[in-house]
Protein backbone atom coordinates (compact mmCIF):
# COMPACT_ATOMS: atom_id res chain seq x y z
CA MET A 1 -8.04 -22.20 -0.24
CA ALA A 2 -5.37 -19.40 -0.48
CA LYS A 3 -2.34 -19.59 -2.30
CA ILE A 4 0.29 -20.15 -0.01
CA SER A 5 3.01 -18.23 -2.49
CA GLU A 6 0.83 -14.96 -2.64
CA MET A 7 0.30 -15.24 1.28
CA PHE A 8 4.03 -14.95 1.44
CA GLU A 9 4.01 -12.66 -1.31
CA GLN A 10 1.84 -10.46 0.75
CA MET A 11 3.82 -10.51 4.06
CA PRO A 12 6.43 -7.56 3.59
CA THR A 13 3.15 -5.08 2.76
CA ARG A 14 0.84 -6.86 5.54
CA TYR A 15 3.79 -6.35 8.19
CA ARG A 16 3.49 -4.35 11.45
CA ALA A 17 6.22 -2.68 11.63
CA GLY A 18 7.38 -1.32 14.97
CA VAL A 19 5.32 -4.09 17.02
CA LEU A 20 8.92 -6.40 17.01
CA LYS A 21 11.51 -5.16 19.39
CA ALA A 22 14.42 -6.85 17.65
CA ALA A 23 15.45 -8.81 14.71
CA ARG A 24 14.30 -12.25 14.61
CA SER A 25 14.12 -14.95 11.29
CA TYR A 26 11.72 -17.63 10.52
CA TYR A 27 12.26 -20.18 8.35
CA PHE A 28 8.65 -22.19 7.06
CA SER A 29 8.30 -25.77 5.05
CA ILE A 30 5.00 -25.72 4.02
CA GLY A 31 4.38 -28.99 2.06
CA ASP A 32 6.70 -28.59 -0.89
CA LEU A 33 7.26 -25.31 -0.19
CA LYS A 34 10.38 -23.50 1.41
CA TYR A 35 10.64 -19.95 2.58
CA THR A 36 13.00 -17.47 5.07
CA VAL A 37 11.12 -14.53 6.37
CA LYS A 38 13.63 -12.00 8.29
CA LEU A 39 11.95 -9.55 10.46
CA THR A 40 13.65 -6.12 11.63
CA PRO A 41 11.50 -4.17 13.77
CA GLN A 42 10.55 -1.85 10.73
CA ALA A 43 10.55 -4.18 7.76
CA CYS A 44 10.09 -8.14 6.51
CA THR A 45 11.98 -9.72 3.92
CA VAL A 46 10.55 -13.02 2.64
CA GLU A 47 13.25 -15.15 0.62
CA ILE A 48 11.79 -18.28 -1.17
CA GLY A 49 14.08 -21.62 -0.28
CA LYS A 50 16.22 -21.97 3.23
CA THR A 51 18.48 -18.71 3.11
CA ILE A 52 19.98 -19.00 6.65
CA ASP A 53 20.93 -22.18 8.84
CA ASN A 54 19.54 -21.25 12.23
CA ALA A 55 16.23 -19.65 11.98
CA ASP A 56 15.03 -18.57 15.62
CA CYS A 57 12.02 -19.74 14.80
CA VAL A 58 11.58 -23.16 12.26
CA LEU A 59 7.77 -24.16 11.30
CA LYS A 60 7.21 -27.33 9.00
CA THR A 61 3.56 -28.03 8.57
CA THR A 62 0.66 -28.76 5.71
CA PRO A 63 -0.22 -26.05 3.46
CA GLU A 64 -4.29 -26.64 5.04
CA LEU A 65 -2.77 -26.35 8.52
CA PHE A 66 -0.89 -22.83 7.54
CA GLU A 67 -3.44 -21.53 6.08
CA LYS A 68 -6.00 -21.57 8.76
CA MET A 69 -3.02 -20.48 11.04
CA VAL A 70 -2.27 -17.30 8.73
CA ILE A 71 -5.65 -16.48 7.35
CA HIS A 72 -8.09 -17.41 10.61
CA GLY A 73 -5.59 -17.15 13.36
CA LYS A 74 -6.29 -20.99 14.36
CA MET A 75 -3.01 -22.10 16.04
CA PRO A 76 -1.88 -25.66 16.30
CA GLY A 77 -3.42 -27.60 19.04
CA MET A 78 -1.36 -30.18 21.01
CA MET A 79 -3.21 -33.14 19.08
CA ASP A 80 -1.29 -31.43 15.48
CA ILE A 81 1.95 -31.34 17.12
CA THR A 82 1.30 -34.49 18.90
CA MET A 83 0.66 -36.34 15.48
CA GLY A 84 3.45 -34.32 14.28
CA ARG A 85 1.31 -31.82 11.26
CA VAL A 86 2.71 -29.30 12.61
CA LYS A 87 6.55 -29.26 13.95
CA THR A 88 8.36 -26.32 15.42
CA ASN A 89 11.63 -25.05 17.32
CA ASP A 90 9.73 -22.42 19.25
CA PRO A 91 6.30 -22.23 20.02
CA SER A 92 6.20 -19.49 21.46
CA ALA A 93 7.90 -17.45 18.66
CA LEU A 94 4.82 -19.26 16.48
CA GLN A 95 2.46 -17.84 18.73
CA GLU A 96 3.53 -14.22 18.75
CA LEU A 97 4.04 -14.59 15.02
CA LYS A 98 0.07 -13.96 14.24
CA GLY A 99 0.04 -10.36 15.96
CA LEU A 100 3.00 -9.55 13.77
CA PHE A 101 0.98 -9.56 10.00
CA GLN A 102 -2.43 -7.90 9.35
CA PHE A 103 -4.48 -11.42 7.26
């Protein structure tokens, strides 16, 4: 299993600049790890912890499900959401996230 911290460290260099049309922020709570990711059309910035009050998209999940999403491109199913293994305030922004990075 890839380390979650390494995935976040790699995000800025794996970001596909020019795909996103407007700035967006994501807050990730992956197990015990917390990250804020700020995206502009040109760049990606990753910050450890919760550094903004209201992220555009929030994702809370387990390290195992996060790895499946990032590395394998497998988005969570309705059962994952229903069972509470994945929590988000914006499923469409979460879905769009996989196209913004080259993993």
